[in-house]
Amino acid sequence: MKKFTTALLILLLSACALNSSEDKLYRKVLMAINEQKTEKFSDTDYENILEYLSKGQDRWINLYPALDKEPFLSITYFQEGLHISMAEALINNTTGTLQYLNKDNIEHICGIPFIEPTVEEIDVYYIKARAALKAASAKSGWKELCILQLENSYSGFQNMVRPTEGKAFCSKAIFYKF
């Protein structure tokens, strides 16, 4: 019983520590947006922002419009990761993600935007994303446009000679075999 109580206490404390570090980063992002400065961010901060976003948490998805412009716009690797994280969030929080689609980002978010994905990763993503989109109760036309973009991207992948192993490269919904 004593071991169980100790383990439970450690688990609860670690959960609180994780939440507090996430909350701290969230406040840091809000401050950066307000002050239009990103000098205080480390590579780890950017990676964590993308991780939280890809999980589909509403508060991080709601920051997407601000993360997709200055002061974050000048950080190229973050911007590439931002669209990939939003594509992953599409599976985890479809309705929340769809509200931020527009003509400028639909290709990136709905078009399988991953960097050098394997064939299996593309297939798994397509199945999960399509199922999530079909099940979503979104009322806007963006749901249908996102499904169309996803299917066109996947079709482009299907029409190429699929490698039996290795990586495929996707750029603007066109896949290239290496």
Protein backbone atom coordinates (compact mmCIF):
# COMPACT_ATOMS: atom_id res chain seq x y z
CA MET A 1 0.00 0.00 0.00
CA LYS A 2 2.84 2.35 0.85
CA LYS A 3 4.50 1.67 -2.54
CA PHE A 4 1.21 2.31 -4.33
CA THR A 5 0.70 5.61 -2.51
CA THR A 6 4.26 6.69 -3.25
CA ALA A 7 3.92 5.77 -6.93
CA LEU A 8 0.61 7.62 -7.17
CA LEU A 9 2.11 10.69 -5.52
CA ILE A 10 5.07 10.66 -7.93
CA LEU A 11 2.72 10.28 -10.89
CA LEU A 12 0.56 13.19 -9.75
CA LEU A 13 3.55 15.42 -9.10
CA SER A 14 5.06 14.66 -12.49
CA ALA A 15 1.72 15.40 -14.17
CA CYS A 16 1.60 18.75 -12.40
CA ALA A 17 5.16 19.51 -13.47
CA LEU A 18 4.31 18.74 -17.10
CA ASN A 19 1.24 20.93 -17.01
CA SER A 20 3.12 23.77 -15.37
CA SER A 21 5.88 23.68 -18.01
CA GLU A 22 3.25 23.67 -20.74
CA ASP A 23 1.43 26.54 -19.06
CA LYS A 24 4.69 28.43 -18.71
CA LEU A 25 5.43 28.00 -22.43
CA TYR A 26 1.88 29.00 -23.33
CA ARG A 27 2.24 32.24 -21.35
CA LYS A 28 5.64 32.80 -22.98
CA VAL A 29 4.05 32.47 -26.44
CA LEU A 30 1.27 34.88 -25.51
CA MET A 31 3.86 37.38 -24.31
CA ALA A 32 5.89 36.99 -27.52
CA ILE A 33 2.76 37.59 -29.59
CA ASN A 34 1.92 40.66 -27.56
CA GLU A 35 5.46 42.07 -27.63
CA GLN A 36 6.23 40.84 -31.18
CA LYS A 37 9.55 39.35 -29.99
CA THR A 38 10.82 35.76 -30.08
CA GLU A 39 14.38 36.18 -28.83
CA LYS A 40 13.64 34.26 -25.62
CA PHE A 41 12.65 31.05 -27.42
CA SER A 42 14.97 28.06 -27.62
CA ASP A 43 14.83 25.29 -30.21
CA THR A 44 13.25 23.13 -27.51
CA ASP A 45 10.52 25.74 -27.00
CA TYR A 46 9.69 25.66 -30.70
CA GLU A 47 9.66 21.86 -30.71
CA ASN A 48 7.35 21.81 -27.68
CA ILE A 49 4.98 24.33 -29.24
CA LEU A 50 4.70 22.11 -32.31
CA GLU A 51 4.19 19.02 -30.17
CA TYR A 52 1.38 20.62 -28.15
CA LEU A 53 -0.22 21.91 -31.33
CA SER A 54 -0.08 18.50 -33.03
CA LYS A 55 -1.97 16.97 -30.10
CA GLY A 56 -4.93 19.12 -31.09
CA GLN A 57 -5.38 21.03 -27.85
CA ASP A 58 -7.79 23.90 -28.43
CA ARG A 59 -5.71 26.54 -26.71
CA TRP A 60 -2.71 25.77 -28.95
CA ILE A 61 -4.78 25.48 -32.12
CA ASN A 62 -6.34 28.84 -31.30
CA LEU A 63 -2.84 30.34 -31.39
CA TYR A 64 -2.27 29.11 -34.96
CA PRO A 65 -3.16 32.41 -36.70
CA ALA A 66 -0.69 34.30 -34.50
CA LEU A 67 2.01 31.63 -34.89
CA ASP A 68 1.65 31.84 -38.68
CA LYS A 69 2.74 35.49 -38.83
CA GLU A 70 5.35 37.80 -37.35
CA PRO A 71 7.25 37.47 -35.10
CA PHE A 72 7.17 33.71 -35.81
CA LEU A 73 6.97 33.97 -39.59
CA SER A 74 10.70 34.56 -39.95
CA ILE A 75 11.58 31.23 -38.32
CA THR A 76 11.51 28.96 -41.37
CA TYR A 77 11.87 25.56 -39.71
CA PHE A 78 9.14 26.50 -37.25
CA GLN A 79 6.79 27.49 -40.07
CA GLU A 80 7.37 24.16 -41.86
CA GLY A 81 6.71 22.34 -38.61
CA LEU A 82 3.66 24.50 -37.93
CA HIS A 83 1.82 23.22 -40.99
CA ILE A 84 2.81 19.63 -40.23
CA SER A 85 1.58 20.03 -36.64
CA MET A 86 -1.71 21.42 -37.90
CA ALA A 87 -2.03 18.43 -40.25
CA GLU A 88 -1.52 16.14 -37.24
CA ALA A 89 -3.99 18.22 -35.22
CA LEU A 90 -6.51 17.62 -38.01
CA ILE A 91 -6.72 14.01 -36.82
CA ASN A 92 -6.85 14.86 -33.11
CA ASN A 93 -9.16 17.88 -33.21
CA THR A 94 -10.71 18.09 -36.65
CA THR A 95 -13.33 20.72 -35.95
CA GLY A 96 -10.88 22.95 -34.09
CA THR A 97 -8.35 22.72 -36.92
CA LEU A 98 -10.87 23.26 -39.72
CA GLN A 99 -11.84 26.66 -38.33
CA TYR A 100 -8.41 28.00 -39.28
CA LEU A 101 -8.28 26.75 -42.86
CA ASN A 102 -8.12 29.30 -45.64
CA LYS A 103 -7.06 29.45 -49.28
CA ASP A 104 -3.44 30.13 -48.29
CA ASN A 105 -2.93 27.14 -45.99
CA ILE A 106 -5.31 24.41 -47.14
CA GLU A 107 -2.63 22.76 -49.31
CA HIS A 108 -0.25 22.69 -46.39
CA ILE A 109 -2.64 21.45 -43.72
CA CYS A 110 -4.84 19.08 -45.76
CA GLY A 111 -2.35 17.97 -48.39
CA ILE A 112 -0.11 15.47 -46.55
CA PRO A 113 2.65 18.05 -45.88
CA PHE A 114 5.18 15.75 -44.24
CA ILE A 115 8.90 15.86 -44.97
CA GLU A 116 10.17 12.58 -46.44
CA PRO A 117 7.38 10.36 -45.11
CA THR A 118 7.50 6.63 -45.62
CA VAL A 119 4.83 4.98 -47.74
CA GLU A 120 3.35 3.45 -44.60
CA GLU A 121 3.25 6.83 -42.82
CA ILE A 122 1.38 8.36 -45.74
CA ASP A 123 -1.11 5.49 -45.86
CA VAL A 124 -1.75 5.60 -42.10
CA TYR A 125 -2.09 9.38 -42.10
CA TYR A 126 -4.49 9.33 -45.04
CA ILE A 127 -6.75 6.72 -43.44
CA LYS A 128 -6.84 8.53 -40.08
CA ALA A 129 -7.25 12.02 -41.53
CA ARG A 130 -9.97 10.98 -43.95
CA ALA A 131 -11.91 9.16 -41.21
CA ALA A 132 -11.59 12.16 -38.88
CA LEU A 133 -12.75 14.57 -41.59
CA LYS A 134 -15.70 12.38 -42.59
CA ALA A 135 -16.77 12.08 -38.93
CA ALA A 136 -16.40 15.82 -38.20
CA SER A 137 -19.54 17.83 -37.72
CA ALA A 138 -18.08 20.98 -39.26
CA LYS A 139 -20.69 22.97 -41.12
CA SER A 140 -18.41 25.09 -43.28
CA GLY A 141 -17.34 24.22 -46.80
CA TRP A 142 -13.75 23.88 -45.60
CA LYS A 143 -14.40 20.30 -44.49
CA GLU A 144 -15.27 19.24 -48.03
CA LEU A 145 -12.40 21.23 -49.51
CA CYS A 146 -9.99 19.66 -47.02
CA ILE A 147 -11.21 16.17 -47.92
CA LEU A 148 -10.78 17.01 -51.61
CA GLN A 149 -7.24 18.31 -51.01
CA LEU A 150 -6.36 15.23 -48.95
CA GLU A 151 -7.73 12.88 -51.61
CA ASN A 152 -5.98 14.75 -54.44
CA SER A 153 -2.68 14.61 -52.56
CA TYR A 154 -3.10 10.94 -51.80
CA SER A 155 -4.16 10.21 -55.37
CA GLY A 156 -1.01 11.93 -56.61
CA PHE A 157 0.95 9.64 -54.35
CA GLN A 158 -0.96 6.57 -55.57
CA ASN A 159 -0.39 7.45 -59.22
CA MET A 160 3.37 7.55 -58.90
CA VAL A 161 5.42 4.39 -58.89
CA ARG A 162 5.30 3.49 -55.23
CA PRO A 163 8.67 2.51 -53.83
CA THR A 164 8.67 -0.77 -51.94
CA GLU A 165 10.89 0.76 -49.28
CA GLY A 166 12.27 4.10 -48.37
CA LYS A 167 10.96 7.60 -48.42
CA ALA A 168 8.74 9.72 -50.59
CA PHE A 169 9.03 13.48 -50.71
CA CYS A 170 5.95 15.66 -50.81
CA SER A 171 5.92 19.23 -52.01
CA LYS A 172 2.68 21.08 -52.75
CA ALA A 173 0.77 17.78 -52.88
CA ILE A 174 3.10 16.29 -55.52
CA PHE A 175 5.18 13.34 -54.45
CA TYR A 176 8.64 12.54 -55.75
CA LYS A 177 10.43 9.25 -55.44
CA PHE A 178 14.07 9.34 -54.32
